[in-house]
């Protein structure tokens, strides 16, 4: 899945383009497995992050990386990088920044 859907965005990200990888589907359809993988079989997210940092190392350029990893379930947005289940995030719109999760 990574090779067909996400690998090609890395060059654009290194040129400053924002990128998003989005999984959508019914409960139990394999979204989490596809995105995160399991030990020995990494999913789209770890493969993309590894590919991005390999490309950064090869470029010998200073790069700032900002990453969000969120889940939207029943219209609730959760930050998956924060293990506490207490904070929910909002989707906001701004004329200058566009749509973003805050």
PDB file of N, CA and C in Angstrom:
ATOM      1  N   UNK A   1       0.833  -1.184   0.000  1.00  0.00           N
ATOM      2  CA  UNK A   1       0.000   0.000   0.000  1.00  0.00           C
ATOM      3  C   UNK A   1       0.883   1.255   0.000  1.00  0.00           C
ATOM      4  N   UNK A   2       1.932   1.243   0.818  1.00  0.00           N
ATOM      5  CA  UNK A   2       2.843   2.393   0.892  1.00  0.00           C
ATOM      6  C   UNK A   2       3.418   2.740  -0.474  1.00  0.00           C
ATOM      7  N   UNK A   3       3.907   1.742  -1.183  1.00  0.00           N
ATOM      8  CA  UNK A   3       4.523   1.985  -2.494  1.00  0.00           C
ATOM      9  C   UNK A   3       3.550   2.630  -3.476  1.00  0.00           C
ATOM     10  N   UNK A   4       2.294   2.235  -3.439  1.00  0.00           N
ATOM     11  CA  UNK A   4       1.302   2.723  -4.401  1.00  0.00           C
ATOM     12  C   UNK A   4       0.660   4.046  -3.993  1.00  0.00           C
ATOM     13  N   UNK A   5       0.676   4.365  -2.691  1.00  0.00           N
ATOM     14  CA  UNK A   5      -0.103   5.522  -2.254  1.00  0.00           C
ATOM     15  C   UNK A   5       0.701   6.666  -1.658  1.00  0.00           C
ATOM     16  N   UNK A   6       1.784   6.396  -0.976  1.00  0.00           N
ATOM     17  CA  UNK A   6       2.395   7.427  -0.146  1.00  0.00           C
ATOM     18  C   UNK A   6       3.855   7.698  -0.472  1.00  0.00           C
ATOM     19  N   UNK A   7       4.577   6.726  -0.949  1.00  0.00           N
ATOM     20  CA  UNK A   7       6.018   6.902  -1.181  1.00  0.00           C
ATOM     21  C   UNK A   7       6.317   8.100  -2.081  1.00  0.00           C
ATOM     22  N   UNK A   8       5.491   8.323  -3.065  1.00  0.00           N
ATOM     23  CA  UNK A   8       5.751   9.382  -4.036  1.00  0.00           C
ATOM     24  C   UNK A   8       5.596  10.798  -3.467  1.00  0.00           C
ATOM     25  N   UNK A   9       5.000  10.958  -2.287  1.00  0.00           N
ATOM     26  CA  UNK A   9       4.824  12.302  -1.725  1.00  0.00           C
ATOM     27  C   UNK A   9       6.078  12.817  -1.026  1.00  0.00           C
ATOM     28  N   UNK A  10       7.037  11.957  -0.741  1.00  0.00           N
ATOM     29  CA  UNK A  10       8.216  12.358   0.032  1.00  0.00           C
ATOM     30  C   UNK A  10       9.010  13.456  -0.679  1.00  0.00           C
ATOM     31  N   UNK A  11       9.226  13.350  -1.973  1.00  0.00           N
ATOM     32  CA  UNK A  11       9.970  14.393  -2.692  1.00  0.00           C
ATOM     33  C   UNK A  11       9.258  15.741  -2.586  1.00  0.00           C
ATOM     34  N   UNK A  12       7.951  15.738  -2.704  1.00  0.00           N
ATOM     35  CA  UNK A  12       7.192  16.978  -2.575  1.00  0.00           C
ATOM     36  C   UNK A  12       7.283  17.561  -1.178  1.00  0.00           C
ATOM     37  N   UNK A  13       7.261  16.714  -0.182  1.00  0.00           N
ATOM     38  CA  UNK A  13       7.383  17.181   1.203  1.00  0.00           C
ATOM     39  C   UNK A  13       8.732  17.855   1.404  1.00  0.00           C
ATOM     40  N   UNK A  14       9.782  17.288   0.834  1.00  0.00           N
ATOM     41  CA  UNK A  14      11.108  17.893   0.959  1.00  0.00           C
ATOM     42  C   UNK A  14      11.210  19.229   0.226  1.00  0.00           C
ATOM     43  N   UNK A  15      10.320  19.461  -0.719  1.00  0.00           N
ATOM     44  CA  UNK A  15      10.272  20.758  -1.408  1.00  0.00           C
ATOM     45  C   UNK A  15       9.326  21.736  -0.715  1.00  0.00           C
ATOM     46  N   UNK A  16       8.713  21.308   0.410  1.00  0.00           N
ATOM     47  CA  UNK A  16       7.869  22.215   1.171  1.00  0.00           C
ATOM     48  C   UNK A  16       6.379  22.030   1.006  1.00  0.00           C
ATOM     49  N   UNK A  17       5.964  21.024   0.262  1.00  0.00           N
ATOM     50  CA  UNK A  17       4.542  20.760   0.076  1.00  0.00           C
ATOM     51  C   UNK A  17       3.997  19.995   1.273  1.00  0.00           C
ATOM     52  N   UNK A  18       2.836  20.384   1.766  1.00  0.00           N
ATOM     53  CA  UNK A  18       2.184  19.623   2.831  1.00  0.00           C
ATOM     54  C   UNK A  18       1.629  18.334   2.252  1.00  0.00           C
ATOM     55  N   UNK A  19       1.571  17.310   3.067  1.00  0.00           N
ATOM     56  CA  UNK A  19       1.040  16.024   2.620  1.00  0.00           C
ATOM     57  C   UNK A  19       0.136  15.449   3.692  1.00  0.00           C
ATOM     58  N   UNK A  20      -0.800  14.628   3.265  1.00  0.00           N
ATOM     59  CA  UNK A  20      -1.729  13.978   4.183  1.00  0.00           C
ATOM     60  C   UNK A  20      -1.938  12.549   3.711  1.00  0.00           C
ATOM     61  N   UNK A  21      -1.928  11.645   4.635  1.00  0.00           N
ATOM     62  CA  UNK A  21      -2.242  10.252   4.343  1.00  0.00           C
ATOM     63  C   UNK A  21      -3.483   9.920   5.147  1.00  0.00           C
ATOM     64  N   UNK A  22      -4.533   9.512   4.490  1.00  0.00           N
ATOM     65  CA  UNK A  22      -5.842   9.382   5.107  1.00  0.00           C
ATOM     66  C   UNK A  22      -6.385   7.982   4.843  1.00  0.00           C
ATOM     67  N   UNK A  23      -6.813   7.289   5.887  1.00  0.00           N
ATOM     68  CA  UNK A  23      -7.432   5.971   5.728  1.00  0.00           C
ATOM     69  C   UNK A  23      -8.906   6.088   6.102  1.00  0.00           C
ATOM     70  N   UNK A  24      -9.768   5.588   5.258  1.00  0.00           N
ATOM     71  CA  UNK A  24     -11.209   5.674   5.487  1.00  0.00           C
ATOM     72  C   UNK A  24     -11.821   4.318   5.192  1.00  0.00           C
ATOM     73  N   UNK A  25     -12.743   3.905   6.026  1.00  0.00           N
ATOM     74  CA  UNK A  25     -13.420   2.649   5.769  1.00  0.00           C
ATOM     75  C   UNK A  25     -14.226   2.197   6.965  1.00  0.00           C
ATOM     76  N   UNK A  26     -14.925   1.118   6.765  1.00  0.00           N
ATOM     77  CA  UNK A  26     -15.791   0.570   7.807  1.00  0.00           C
ATOM     78  C   UNK A  26     -14.964   0.020   8.967  1.00  0.00           C
ATOM     79  N   UNK A  27     -15.580  -0.030  10.136  1.00  0.00           N
ATOM     80  CA  UNK A  27     -14.945  -0.643  11.301  1.00  0.00           C
ATOM     81  C   UNK A  27     -14.551  -2.077  10.961  1.00  0.00           C
ATOM     82  N   UNK A  28     -13.321  -2.429  11.304  1.00  0.00           N
ATOM     83  CA  UNK A  28     -12.848  -3.789  11.062  1.00  0.00           C
ATOM     84  C   UNK A  28     -12.305  -4.029   9.668  1.00  0.00           C
ATOM     85  N   UNK A  29     -12.175  -2.970   8.864  1.00  0.00           N
ATOM     86  CA  UNK A  29     -11.729  -3.167   7.479  1.00  0.00           C
ATOM     87  C   UNK A  29     -10.212  -3.180   7.325  1.00  0.00           C
ATOM     88  N   UNK A  30      -9.460  -2.884   8.392  1.00  0.00           N
ATOM     89  CA  UNK A  30      -8.008  -2.967   8.333  1.00  0.00           C
ATOM     90  C   UNK A  30      -7.292  -1.632   8.260  1.00  0.00           C
ATOM     91  N   UNK A  31      -7.965  -0.541   8.560  1.00  0.00           N
ATOM     92  CA  UNK A  31      -7.336   0.780   8.498  1.00  0.00           C
ATOM     93  C   UNK A  31      -6.153   0.886   9.448  1.00  0.00           C
ATOM     94  N   UNK A  32      -6.341   0.528  10.701  1.00  0.00           N
ATOM     95  CA  UNK A  32      -5.268   0.646  11.690  1.00  0.00           C
ATOM     96  C   UNK A  32      -4.108  -0.263  11.319  1.00  0.00           C
ATOM     97  N   UNK A  33      -4.380  -1.475  10.930  1.00  0.00           N
ATOM     98  CA  UNK A  33      -3.325  -2.408  10.519  1.00  0.00           C
ATOM     99  C   UNK A  33      -2.555  -1.846   9.329  1.00  0.00           C
ATOM    100  N   UNK A  34      -3.261  -1.322   8.340  1.00  0.00           N
ATOM    101  CA  UNK A  34      -2.608  -0.775   7.155  1.00  0.00           C
ATOM    102  C   UNK A  34      -1.747   0.423   7.505  1.00  0.00           C
ATOM    103  N   UNK A  35      -2.234   1.274   8.381  1.00  0.00           N
ATOM    104  CA  UNK A  35      -1.513   2.499   8.701  1.00  0.00           C
ATOM    105  C   UNK A  35      -0.337   2.262   9.658  1.00  0.00           C
ATOM    106  N   UNK A  36      -0.525   1.421  10.679  1.00  0.00           N
ATOM    107  CA  UNK A  36       0.531   1.245  11.682  1.00  0.00           C
ATOM    108  C   UNK A  36       1.341  -0.025  11.489  1.00  0.00           C
ATOM    109  N   UNK A  37       0.736  -1.074  10.986  1.00  0.00           N
ATOM    110  CA  UNK A  37       1.431  -2.338  10.802  1.00  0.00           C
ATOM    111  C   UNK A  37       1.604  -3.083  12.105  1.00  0.00           C
ATOM    112  N   UNK A  38       2.479  -4.059  12.075  1.00  0.00           N
ATOM    113  CA  UNK A  38       2.814  -4.872  13.246  1.00  0.00           C
ATOM    114  C   UNK A  38       4.326  -5.061  13.247  1.00  0.00           C
ATOM    115  N   UNK A  39       4.910  -5.506  14.370  1.00  0.00           N
ATOM    116  CA  UNK A  39       6.354  -5.752  14.374  1.00  0.00           C
ATOM    117  C   UNK A  39       6.761  -6.678  13.219  1.00  0.00           C
ATOM    118  N   UNK A  40       7.749  -6.257  12.473  1.00  0.00           N
ATOM    119  CA  UNK A  40       8.212  -7.042  11.332  1.00  0.00           C
ATOM    120  C   UNK A  40       7.506  -6.720  10.034  1.00  0.00           C
ATOM    121  N   UNK A  41       6.347  -6.068  10.108  1.00  0.00           N
ATOM    122  CA  UNK A  41       5.589  -5.654   8.925  1.00  0.00           C
ATOM    123  C   UNK A  41       5.065  -4.242   9.152  1.00  0.00           C
ATOM    124  N   UNK A  42       5.943  -3.242   8.993  1.00  0.00           N
ATOM    125  CA  UNK A  42       5.517  -1.873   9.267  1.00  0.00           C
ATOM    126  C   UNK A  42       4.446  -1.410   8.288  1.00  0.00           C
ATOM    127  N   UNK A  43       3.572  -0.560   8.781  1.00  0.00           N
ATOM    128  CA  UNK A  43       2.499  -0.017   7.966  1.00  0.00           C
ATOM    129  C   UNK A  43       2.920   1.255   7.249  1.00  0.00           C
ATOM    130  N   UNK A  44       1.938   1.931   6.678  1.00  0.00           N
ATOM    131  CA  UNK A  44       2.178   3.121   5.878  1.00  0.00           C
ATOM    132  C   UNK A  44       2.880   4.216   6.688  1.00  0.00           C
ATOM    133  N   UNK A  45       2.445   4.458   7.915  1.00  0.00           N
ATOM    134  CA  UNK A  45       3.030   5.556   8.695  1.00  0.00           C
ATOM    135  C   UNK A  45       4.507   5.316   9.006  1.00  0.00           C
ATOM    136  N   UNK A  46       4.894   4.189   9.604  1.00  0.00           N
ATOM    137  CA  UNK A  46       6.332   4.014   9.871  1.00  0.00           C
ATOM    138  C   UNK A  46       7.175   3.963   8.601  1.00  0.00           C
ATOM    139  N   UNK A  47       6.649   3.410   7.524  1.00  0.00           N
ATOM    140  CA  UNK A  47       7.405   3.380   6.273  1.00  0.00           C
ATOM    141  C   UNK A  47       7.588   4.784   5.711  1.00  0.00           C
ATOM    142  N   UNK A  48       6.564   5.608   5.804  1.00  0.00           N
ATOM    143  CA  UNK A  48       6.651   6.981   5.309  1.00  0.00           C
ATOM    144  C   UNK A  48       7.628   7.802   6.134  1.00  0.00           C
ATOM    145  N   UNK A  49       7.546   7.691   7.454  1.00  0.00           N
ATOM    146  CA  UNK A  49       8.460   8.437   8.319  1.00  0.00           C
ATOM    147  C   UNK A  49       9.904   7.986   8.062  1.00  0.00           C
ATOM    148  N   UNK A  50      10.133   6.700   7.955  1.00  0.00           N
ATOM    149  CA  UNK A  50      11.485   6.200   7.671  1.00  0.00           C
ATOM    150  C   UNK A  50      11.975   6.702   6.316  1.00  0.00           C
ATOM    151  N   UNK A  51      11.116   6.634   5.312  1.00  0.00           N
ATOM    152  CA  UNK A  51      11.489   7.118   3.980  1.00  0.00           C
ATOM    153  C   UNK A  51      11.775   8.606   3.973  1.00  0.00           C
ATOM    154  N   UNK A  52      10.991   9.367   4.722  1.00  0.00           N
ATOM    155  CA  UNK A  52      11.205  10.810   4.807  1.00  0.00           C
ATOM    156  C   UNK A  52      12.559  11.127   5.428  1.00  0.00           C
ATOM    157  N   UNK A  53      12.879  10.480   6.561  1.00  0.00           N
ATOM    158  CA  UNK A  53      14.146  10.769   7.218  1.00  0.00           C
ATOM    159  C   UNK A  53      15.338  10.227   6.434  1.00  0.00           C
ATOM    160  N   UNK A  54      15.176   9.146   5.708  1.00  0.00           N
ATOM    161  CA  UNK A  54      16.244   8.676   4.822  1.00  0.00           C
ATOM    162  C   UNK A  54      16.507   9.708   3.727  1.00  0.00           C
ATOM    163  N   UNK A  55      15.434  10.269   3.163  1.00  0.00           N
ATOM    164  CA  UNK A  55      15.583  11.287   2.118  1.00  0.00           C
ATOM    165  C   UNK A  55      16.208  12.561   2.681  1.00  0.00           C
ATOM    166  N   UNK A  56      15.848  12.933   3.901  1.00  0.00           N
ATOM    167  CA  UNK A  56      16.453  14.108   4.546  1.00  0.00           C
ATOM    168  C   UNK A  56      17.942  13.877   4.743  1.00  0.00           C
ATOM    169  N   UNK A  57      18.319  12.707   5.260  1.00  0.00           N
ATOM    170  CA  UNK A  57      19.739  12.390   5.457  1.00  0.00           C
ATOM    171  C   UNK A  57      20.506  12.456   4.134  1.00  0.00           C
ATOM    172  N   UNK A  58      19.911  11.913   3.073  1.00  0.00           N
ATOM    173  CA  UNK A  58      20.576  11.895   1.769  1.00  0.00           C
ATOM    174  C   UNK A  58      20.697  13.295   1.173  1.00  0.00           C
ATOM    175  N   UNK A  59      19.772  14.190   1.518  1.00  0.00           N
ATOM    176  CA  UNK A  59      19.783  15.538   0.937  1.00  0.00           C
ATOM    177  C   UNK A  59      20.826  16.443   1.570  1.00  0.00           C
ATOM    178  N   UNK A  60      21.305  16.099   2.763  1.00  0.00           N
ATOM    179  CA  UNK A  60      22.289  16.910   3.487  1.00  0.00           C
ATOM    180  C   UNK A  60      21.782  18.340   3.711  1.00  0.00           C
ATOM    181  N   UNK A  61      20.466  18.488   3.827  1.00  0.00           N
ATOM    182  CA  UNK A  61      19.842  19.786   4.033  1.00  0.00           C
ATOM    183  C   UNK A  61      19.172  19.815   5.392  1.00  0.00           C
ATOM    184  N   UNK A  62      19.135  20.986   5.990  1.00  0.00           N
ATOM    185  CA  UNK A  62      18.426  21.132   7.270  1.00  0.00           C
ATOM    186  C   UNK A  62      16.942  21.240   6.971  1.00  0.00           C
ATOM    187  N   UNK A  63      16.151  20.404   7.625  1.00  0.00           N
ATOM    188  CA  UNK A  63      14.710  20.356   7.391  1.00  0.00           C
ATOM    189  C   UNK A  63      13.992  20.329   8.730  1.00  0.00           C
ATOM    190  N   UNK A  64      12.887  21.057   8.817  1.00  0.00           N
ATOM    191  CA  UNK A  64      12.027  21.004   9.994  1.00  0.00           C
ATOM    192  C   UNK A  64      10.833  20.119   9.639  1.00  0.00           C
ATOM    193  N   UNK A  65      10.580  19.119  10.464  1.00  0.00           N
ATOM    194  CA  UNK A  65       9.470  18.199  10.222  1.00  0.00           C
ATOM    195  C   UNK A  65       8.406  18.430  11.289  1.00  0.00           C
ATOM    196  N   UNK A  66       7.176  18.607  10.843  1.00  0.00           N
ATOM    197  CA  UNK A  66       6.035  18.687  11.749  1.00  0.00           C
ATOM    198  C   UNK A  66       5.071  17.579  11.350  1.00  0.00           C
ATOM    199  N   UNK A  67       4.605  16.858  12.348  1.00  0.00           N
ATOM    200  CA  UNK A  67       3.784  15.686  12.080  1.00  0.00           C
ATOM    201  C   UNK A  67       2.595  15.657  13.013  1.00  0.00           C
ATOM    202  N   UNK A  68       1.441  15.324  12.482  1.00  0.00           N
ATOM    203  CA  UNK A  68       0.265  15.046  13.302  1.00  0.00           C
ATOM    204  C   UNK A  68      -0.199  13.642  12.986  1.00  0.00           C
ATOM    205  N   UNK A  69      -0.658  12.956  14.006  1.00  0.00           N
ATOM    206  CA  UNK A  69      -1.153  11.594  13.857  1.00  0.00           C
ATOM    207  C   UNK A  69      -2.468  11.561  14.623  1.00  0.00           C
ATOM    208  N   UNK A  70      -3.577  11.638  13.904  1.00  0.00           N
ATOM    209  CA  UNK A  70      -4.880  11.760  14.557  1.00  0.00           C
ATOM    210  C   UNK A  70      -5.830  10.668  14.084  1.00  0.00           C
ATOM    211  N   UNK A  71      -6.812  10.437  14.919  1.00  0.00           N
ATOM    212  CA  UNK A  71      -7.901   9.514  14.596  1.00  0.00           C
ATOM    213  C   UNK A  71      -9.202  10.290  14.690  1.00  0.00           C
ATOM    214  N   UNK A  72     -10.055  10.113  13.694  1.00  0.00           N
ATOM    215  CA  UNK A  72     -11.397  10.691  13.731  1.00  0.00           C
ATOM    216  C   UNK A  72     -12.365   9.523  13.808  1.00  0.00           C
ATOM    217  N   UNK A  73     -13.094   9.458  14.903  1.00  0.00           N
ATOM    218  CA  UNK A  73     -14.042   8.370  15.120  1.00  0.00           C
ATOM    219  C   UNK A  73     -15.281   8.953  15.778  1.00  0.00           C
ATOM    220  N   UNK A  74     -16.432   8.714  15.197  1.00  0.00           N
ATOM    221  CA  UNK A  74     -17.689   9.276  15.701  1.00  0.00           C
ATOM    222  C   UNK A  74     -17.589  10.791  15.889  1.00  0.00           C
ATOM    223  N   UNK A  75     -16.980  11.450  14.916  1.00  0.00           N
ATOM    224  CA  UNK A  75     -16.829  12.909  14.898  1.00  0.00           C
ATOM    225  C   UNK A  75     -15.976  13.461  16.039  1.00  0.00           C
ATOM    226  N   UNK A  76     -15.178  12.617  16.680  1.00  0.00           N
ATOM    227  CA  UNK A  76     -14.250  13.038  17.730  1.00  0.00           C
ATOM    228  C   UNK A  76     -12.835  12.880  17.179  1.00  0.00           C
ATOM    229  N   UNK A  77     -12.036  13.947  17.287  1.00  0.00           N
ATOM    230  CA  UNK A  77     -10.664  13.934  16.795  1.00  0.00           C
ATOM    231  C   UNK A  77      -9.725  13.738  17.983  1.00  0.00           C
ATOM    232  N   UNK A  78      -8.902  12.676  17.926  1.00  0.00           N
ATOM    233  CA  UNK A  78      -7.954  12.373  19.004  1.00  0.00           C
ATOM    234  C   UNK A  78      -6.537  12.408  18.470  1.00  0.00           C
ATOM    235  N   UNK A  79      -5.627  12.929  19.298  1.00  0.00           N
ATOM    236  CA  UNK A  79      -4.209  12.956  18.987  1.00  0.00           C
ATOM    237  C   UNK A  79      -3.614  11.609  19.384  1.00  0.00           C
ATOM    238  N   UNK A  80      -3.198  10.818  18.411  1.00  0.00           N
ATOM    239  CA  UNK A  80      -2.667   9.487  18.706  1.00  0.00           C
ATOM    240  C   UNK A  80      -1.224   9.514  19.188  1.00  0.00           C
ATOM    241  N   UNK A  81      -0.575  10.680  19.139  1.00  0.00           N
ATOM    242  CA  UNK A  81       0.766  10.800  19.700  1.00  0.00           C
ATOM    243  C   UNK A  81       0.722  11.130  21.184  1.00  0.00           C
ATOM    244  N   UNK A  82      -0.461  11.464  21.712  1.00  0.00           N
ATOM    245  CA  UNK A  82      -0.650  11.729  23.136  1.00  0.00           C
ATOM    246  C   UNK A  82      -1.432  10.555  23.713  1.00  0.00           C
ATOM    247  N   UNK A  83      -0.801   9.728  24.526  1.00  0.00           N
ATOM    248  CA  UNK A  83      -1.467   8.515  25.001  1.00  0.00           C
ATOM    249  C   UNK A  83      -2.653   8.769  25.931  1.00  0.00           C
ATOM    250  N   UNK A  84      -2.773   9.976  26.493  1.00  0.00           N
ATOM    251  CA  UNK A  84      -3.934  10.232  27.353  1.00  0.00           C
ATOM    252  C   UNK A  84      -5.166  10.317  26.468  1.00  0.00           C
ATOM    253  N   UNK A  85      -6.221   9.711  26.903  1.00  0.00           N
ATOM    254  CA  UNK A  85      -7.452   9.643  26.117  1.00  0.00           C
ATOM    255  C   UNK A  85      -8.390  10.796  26.476  1.00  0.00           C
ATOM    256  N   UNK A  86      -7.878  11.791  27.206  1.00  0.00           N
ATOM    257  CA  UNK A  86      -8.736  12.820  27.763  1.00  0.00           C
ATOM    258  C   UNK A  86      -8.901  14.035  26.868  1.00  0.00           C
ATOM    259  N   UNK A  87      -7.990  14.275  25.965  1.00  0.00           N
ATOM    260  CA  UNK A  87      -8.026  15.493  25.162  1.00  0.00           C
ATOM    261  C   UNK A  87      -8.572  15.178  23.774  1.00  0.00           C
ATOM    262  N   UNK A  88      -9.570  15.952  23.363  1.00  0.00           N
ATOM    263  CA  UNK A  88     -10.054  15.858  21.991  1.00  0.00           C
ATOM    264  C   UNK A  88      -9.668  17.154  21.279  1.00  0.00           C
ATOM    265  N   UNK A  89      -9.497  17.069  19.997  1.00  0.00           N
ATOM    266  CA  UNK A  89      -9.046  18.198  19.199  1.00  0.00           C
ATOM    267  C   UNK A  89     -10.209  18.742  18.371  1.00  0.00           C
ATOM    268  N   UNK A  90     -10.036  19.953  17.877  1.00  0.00           N
ATOM    269  CA  UNK A  90     -11.058  20.587  17.045  1.00  0.00           C
ATOM    270  C   UNK A  90     -10.519  20.776  15.632  1.00  0.00           C
ATOM    271  N   UNK A  91     -11.419  20.688  14.662  1.00  0.00           N
ATOM    272  CA  UNK A  91     -11.086  21.050  13.286  1.00  0.00           C
ATOM    273  C   UNK A  91     -11.477  22.515  13.132  1.00  0.00           C
ATOM    274  N   UNK A  92     -10.523  23.325  12.695  1.00  0.00           N
ATOM    275  CA  UNK A  92     -10.756  24.766  12.567  1.00  0.00           C
ATOM    276  C   UNK A  92     -10.430  25.233  11.154  1.00  0.00           C
ATOM    277  N   UNK A  93     -11.015  26.378  10.808  1.00  0.00           N
ATOM    278  CA  UNK A  93     -10.726  26.995   9.520  1.00  0.00           C
ATOM    279  C   UNK A  93     -10.261  28.418   9.749  1.00  0.00           C
ATOM    280  N   UNK A  94      -9.267  28.820   8.964  1.00  0.00           N
ATOM    281  CA  UNK A  94      -8.724  30.164   9.053  1.00  0.00           C
ATOM    282  C   UNK A  94      -8.463  30.645   7.635  1.00  0.00           C
ATOM    283  N   UNK A  95      -8.818  31.899   7.316  1.00  0.00           N
ATOM    284  CA  UNK A  95      -8.612  32.384   5.937  1.00  0.00           C
ATOM    285  C   UNK A  95      -7.159  32.315   5.485  1.00  0.00           C
ATOM    286  N   UNK A  96      -6.200  32.465   6.414  1.00  0.00           N
ATOM    287  CA  UNK A  96      -4.782  32.426   6.031  1.00  0.00           C
ATOM    288  C   UNK A  96      -4.204  31.012   6.087  1.00  0.00           C
ATOM    289  N   UNK A  97      -4.567  30.238   7.120  1.00  0.00           N
ATOM    290  CA  UNK A  97      -3.981  28.905   7.308  1.00  0.00           C
ATOM    291  C   UNK A  97      -4.777  27.810   6.637  1.00  0.00           C
ATOM    292  N   UNK A  98      -5.998  28.050   6.309  1.00  0.00           N
ATOM    293  CA  UNK A  98      -6.841  27.013   5.738  1.00  0.00           C
ATOM    294  C   UNK A  98      -7.437  26.168   6.856  1.00  0.00           C
ATOM    295  N   UNK A  99      -7.778  24.928   6.559  1.00  0.00           N
ATOM    296  CA  UNK A  99      -8.368  24.019   7.536  1.00  0.00           C
ATOM    297  C   UNK A  99      -7.246  23.278   8.257  1.00  0.00           C
ATOM    298  N   UNK A 100      -7.374  23.158   9.576  1.00  0.00           N
ATOM    299  CA  UNK A 100      -6.343  22.486  10.359  1.00  0.00           C
ATOM    300  C   UNK A 100      -6.946  21.909  11.633  1.00  0.00           C
ATOM    301  N   UNK A 101      -6.214  20.988  12.247  1.00  0.00           N
ATOM    302  CA  UNK A 101      -6.616  20.376  13.522  1.00  0.00           C
ATOM    303  C   UNK A 101      -5.848  21.077  14.619  1.00  0.00           C
ATOM    304  N   UNK A 102      -6.583  21.524  15.652  1.00  0.00           N
ATOM    305  CA  UNK A 102      -5.933  22.243  16.757  1.00  0.00           C
ATOM    306  C   UNK A 102      -6.323  21.624  18.085  1.00  0.00           C
TER     307      UNK A 102
END
